[in-house]
Amino acid sequence: MVAFVYDGNRRVVEPHMVSVYRDGDVMLHAWQRCGGSGTDWRDFEVAKIERLAITEWTFRKPHSGYHPSAKPYVRIVCRLEPVE
C-alpha cells in the first residue's frame, strides 16, 4: 500500500491501476483504506499527489468491485489483473 497527501488529507490506499484518461490526466485508481473521505474506490490525479510513501502494509489481491475496463482511460500505464 501507499500513503500520500491529496487535497490536504493523508490517505492510505491499495493502488490498482494507473492510466491516462481521455482529458490527458494521469490517474491512480485505488481502494482507499483510510483518510480523506472514508473507505471506498477513489480516483486520484497523480499530479496532485504529495508526499507519496510506500508503507509496510500489503494486500494480496484486487479489492472486490475492481473493474478496470469501466474507467474512461485511453492508455493503461500499469494495473493489477482482475480476479475472475
Protein backbone atom coordinates (compact mmCIF):
# COMPACT_ATOMS: atom_id res chain seq x y z
CA MET A 1 0.00 0.00 0.00
CA VAL A 2 1.00 3.61 -0.36
CA ALA A 3 0.33 6.72 1.70
CA PHE A 4 0.16 10.27 0.41
CA VAL A 5 -1.46 13.67 0.89
CA TYR A 6 -4.24 14.60 -1.54
CA ASP A 7 -6.44 17.69 -1.26
CA GLY A 8 -4.84 18.37 2.12
CA ASN A 9 -5.75 14.97 3.58
CA ARG A 10 -3.49 11.99 4.30
CA ARG A 11 -4.66 8.85 2.50
CA VAL A 12 -3.63 5.20 2.64
CA VAL A 13 -4.62 3.25 -0.46
CA GLU A 14 -4.30 -0.07 -2.27
CA PRO A 15 -3.18 1.03 -5.75
CA HIS A 16 -4.84 -0.97 -8.54
CA MET A 17 -4.29 0.93 -11.79
CA VAL A 18 -2.50 3.94 -13.23
CA SER A 19 -3.92 5.16 -16.53
CA VAL A 20 -4.15 8.16 -18.82
CA TYR A 21 -7.70 9.47 -19.13
CA ARG A 22 -9.26 11.00 -22.25
CA ASP A 23 -8.54 14.52 -20.97
CA GLY A 24 -4.82 13.67 -20.62
CA ASP A 25 -4.76 13.41 -16.82
CA VAL A 26 -2.73 10.56 -15.35
CA MET A 27 -4.92 8.92 -12.73
CA LEU A 28 -4.43 6.43 -9.91
CA HIS A 29 -7.42 4.14 -9.35
CA ALA A 30 -7.23 2.78 -5.81
CA TRP A 31 -9.15 1.34 -2.89
CA GLN A 32 -8.85 3.94 -0.13
CA ARG A 33 -8.26 2.21 3.21
CA CYS A 34 -8.30 5.32 5.38
CA GLY A 35 -8.12 9.07 5.32
CA GLY A 36 -9.87 11.75 3.36
CA SER A 37 -13.50 10.91 2.73
CA GLY A 38 -13.50 7.34 4.07
CA THR A 39 -13.13 3.84 2.66
CA ASP A 40 -14.17 3.29 -0.97
CA TRP A 41 -12.91 3.31 -4.55
CA ARG A 42 -11.24 6.59 -5.45
CA ASP A 43 -9.53 8.12 -8.46
CA PHE A 44 -6.60 10.43 -7.75
CA GLU A 45 -4.97 12.78 -10.23
CA VAL A 46 -1.30 11.81 -9.99
CA ALA A 47 -0.11 15.41 -10.46
CA LYS A 48 -1.93 16.39 -7.24
CA ILE A 49 -0.44 13.63 -5.05
CA GLU A 50 2.02 14.96 -2.47
CA ARG A 51 4.45 13.25 -0.09
CA LEU A 52 3.99 9.77 -1.56
CA ALA A 53 5.46 6.95 0.54
CA ILE A 54 5.42 3.18 0.26
CA THR A 55 4.08 1.69 3.50
CA GLU A 56 4.97 -1.58 5.22
CA TRP A 57 1.39 -2.81 4.68
CA THR A 58 0.50 -5.06 1.76
CA PHE A 59 -2.59 -6.57 0.16
CA ARG A 60 -2.91 -9.95 -1.54
CA LYS A 61 -5.34 -9.44 -4.42
CA PRO A 62 -7.53 -6.82 -6.07
CA HIS A 63 -10.27 -5.47 -3.83
CA SER A 64 -13.84 -6.53 -4.66
CA GLY A 65 -15.51 -4.22 -7.14
CA TYR A 66 -12.33 -3.75 -9.20
CA HIS A 67 -13.43 -3.33 -12.84
CA PRO A 68 -10.64 -1.62 -14.79
CA SER A 69 -12.50 -1.78 -18.09
CA ALA A 70 -15.17 0.58 -16.70
CA LYS A 71 -12.76 3.53 -16.41
CA PRO A 72 -12.55 6.26 -19.13
CA TYR A 73 -8.88 5.71 -19.97
CA VAL A 74 -7.11 5.84 -23.31
CA ARG A 75 -3.95 4.10 -22.11
CA ILE A 76 -3.06 1.88 -19.17
CA VAL A 77 0.33 2.57 -17.61
CA CYS A 78 0.12 -0.36 -15.18
CA ARG A 79 -2.61 -2.34 -13.45
CA LEU A 80 -3.42 -5.36 -11.34
CA GLU A 81 -5.06 -8.16 -13.24
CA PRO A 82 -8.70 -8.60 -12.17
CA VAL A 83 -9.53 -11.84 -10.39
CA GLU A 84 -12.44 -13.62 -12.06
